[in-house]
Protein backbone atom coordinates (compact mmCIF):
# COMPACT_ATOMS: atom_id res chain seq x y z
CA MET A 1 -60.86 116.40 -2.55
CA THR A 2 -63.23 119.31 -2.16
CA ALA A 3 -66.96 118.63 -2.14
CA ILE A 4 -68.96 121.45 -3.71
CA GLY A 5 -72.33 119.88 -3.01
CA HIS A 6 -74.21 116.67 -2.50
CA VAL A 7 -76.87 114.83 -4.48
CA THR A 8 -79.08 111.84 -3.86
CA LYS A 9 -79.84 109.28 -6.54
CA THR A 10 -83.53 109.23 -7.49
CA GLU A 11 -85.65 107.24 -9.93
CA ASN A 12 -84.99 109.96 -12.53
CA GLY A 13 -81.31 110.87 -12.03
CA TYR A 14 -79.98 112.84 -9.04
CA LYS A 15 -81.30 115.70 -6.91
CA GLY A 16 -79.37 117.88 -4.48
CA GLN A 17 -77.51 121.12 -4.00
CA LEU A 18 -74.45 122.85 -5.45
CA LYS A 19 -72.66 124.80 -2.71
CA THR A 20 -69.64 127.05 -3.00
CA VAL A 21 -68.57 130.10 -1.00
CA SER A 22 -70.77 132.39 -3.11
CA ILE A 23 -73.30 130.01 -4.75
CA ARG A 24 -76.02 127.84 -3.30
CA ALA A 25 -78.41 126.29 -5.82
CA ASP A 26 -80.75 123.32 -5.90
CA ILE A 27 -79.83 121.11 -8.86
CA ASP A 28 -81.32 118.22 -10.78
CA ILE A 29 -79.15 115.89 -12.83
CA VAL A 30 -81.53 114.19 -15.26
CA PRO A 31 -80.99 111.68 -18.07
CA ASN A 32 -80.55 113.20 -21.52
CA ARG A 33 -83.61 111.75 -23.26
CA ASP A 34 -82.55 113.28 -26.61
CA LYS A 35 -79.12 111.60 -26.75
CA SER A 36 -78.54 110.46 -30.32
CA ALA A 37 -74.72 110.14 -30.45
CA ASP A 38 -71.95 108.89 -28.14
CA THR A 39 -70.43 112.39 -27.97
CA GLN A 40 -73.60 113.87 -26.46
CA PRO A 41 -73.95 113.98 -22.66
CA ASP A 42 -75.71 111.25 -20.72
CA PHE A 43 -77.20 113.80 -18.28
CA ARG A 44 -78.37 117.41 -18.20
CA VAL A 45 -77.80 119.55 -15.10
CA LEU A 46 -80.65 121.94 -14.28
CA THR A 47 -81.35 124.58 -11.66
CA GLN A 48 -84.70 126.37 -11.52
CA GLY A 49 -85.51 124.90 -14.95
CA VAL A 50 -82.36 126.38 -16.53
CA GLU A 51 -79.69 124.09 -17.96
CA ILE A 52 -76.29 124.88 -16.43
CA GLY A 53 -74.32 121.83 -17.44
CA ALA A 54 -74.01 118.27 -18.60
CA GLY A 55 -72.76 114.92 -17.34
CA TRP A 56 -71.09 111.91 -18.92
CA ILE A 57 -70.82 108.37 -17.61
CA ARG A 58 -67.12 107.46 -17.41
CA ARG A 59 -65.16 104.39 -16.23
CA GLY A 60 -62.38 104.55 -13.67
CA GLU A 61 -59.02 103.54 -15.19
CA THR A 62 -57.96 101.34 -12.29
CA SER A 63 -61.28 100.37 -10.69
CA GLY A 64 -63.31 99.96 -13.87
CA LYS A 65 -66.29 101.34 -11.95
CA GLY A 66 -68.67 103.82 -13.54
CA TYR A 67 -69.02 107.39 -12.32
CA VAL A 68 -70.56 110.63 -13.59
CA SER A 69 -68.30 113.48 -14.75
CA LEU A 70 -69.93 116.94 -14.80
CA ALA A 71 -69.16 120.22 -16.58
CA LEU A 72 -71.07 123.27 -15.25
CA ALA A 73 -71.25 126.80 -16.66
CA ALA A 74 -73.29 129.85 -15.69
CA PRO A 75 -72.73 133.61 -15.53
CA GLU A 76 -72.35 133.33 -11.75
CA PHE A 77 -69.27 131.12 -12.26
CA GLY A 78 -67.48 133.72 -14.38
CA PRO A 79 -65.83 132.88 -17.70
CA ARG A 80 -64.68 129.39 -16.69
CA LYS A 81 -66.48 126.08 -16.33
CA ILE A 82 -66.64 124.14 -13.09
CA TYR A 83 -65.73 120.46 -13.42
CA ALA A 84 -66.80 117.85 -10.87
CA ASN A 85 -67.28 114.11 -10.50
CA LEU A 86 -69.98 112.34 -8.53
CA GLY A 87 -68.23 110.24 -5.89
CA ARG A 88 -68.86 108.64 -2.55
CA ALA A 89 -69.64 111.21 0.10
CA ALA A 90 -67.15 111.07 2.99
CA GLY A 91 -68.59 109.31 6.02
CA GLN A 92 -71.80 108.50 4.16
CA ASP A 93 -73.27 105.01 4.52
CA ASP A 94 -76.19 105.59 2.16
CA GLU A 95 -75.26 104.19 -1.28
CA ASN A 96 -77.57 106.71 -2.95
CA VAL A 97 -75.78 109.84 -1.64
CA PHE A 98 -72.94 111.32 -3.68
CA ALA A 99 -70.63 114.30 -3.29
CA LEU A 100 -69.90 116.68 -6.16
CA ILE A 101 -66.12 116.45 -6.03
CA TRP A 102 -64.53 119.53 -7.51
CA ASN A 103 -62.04 118.71 -10.25
CA PRO A 104 -60.08 121.91 -11.05
CA GLN A 105 -58.59 121.90 -14.53
CA ASP A 106 -55.57 124.07 -13.58
């Protein structure tokens, strides 16, 4: 599993950094206050005040535990979206720290 960043849970979502070989951006994952239907995302992903993605709360098939699934898109990423899940950061004891685990769709 490849971590493409880390975030820390805050009172208002998550805050951290997206890091790839060519991209380094501070991100905020905030609750979607305008959610009016189940198909709409639970979170919005922002960098420098610009929305670059969304997140949905999902349940693990075997564990039944909740996690956040992200879809990110920006011109810097090219024509494809980046998919990631928030998961436990390797070697991290702090329950509020999560890794952005890259989930390639290929």
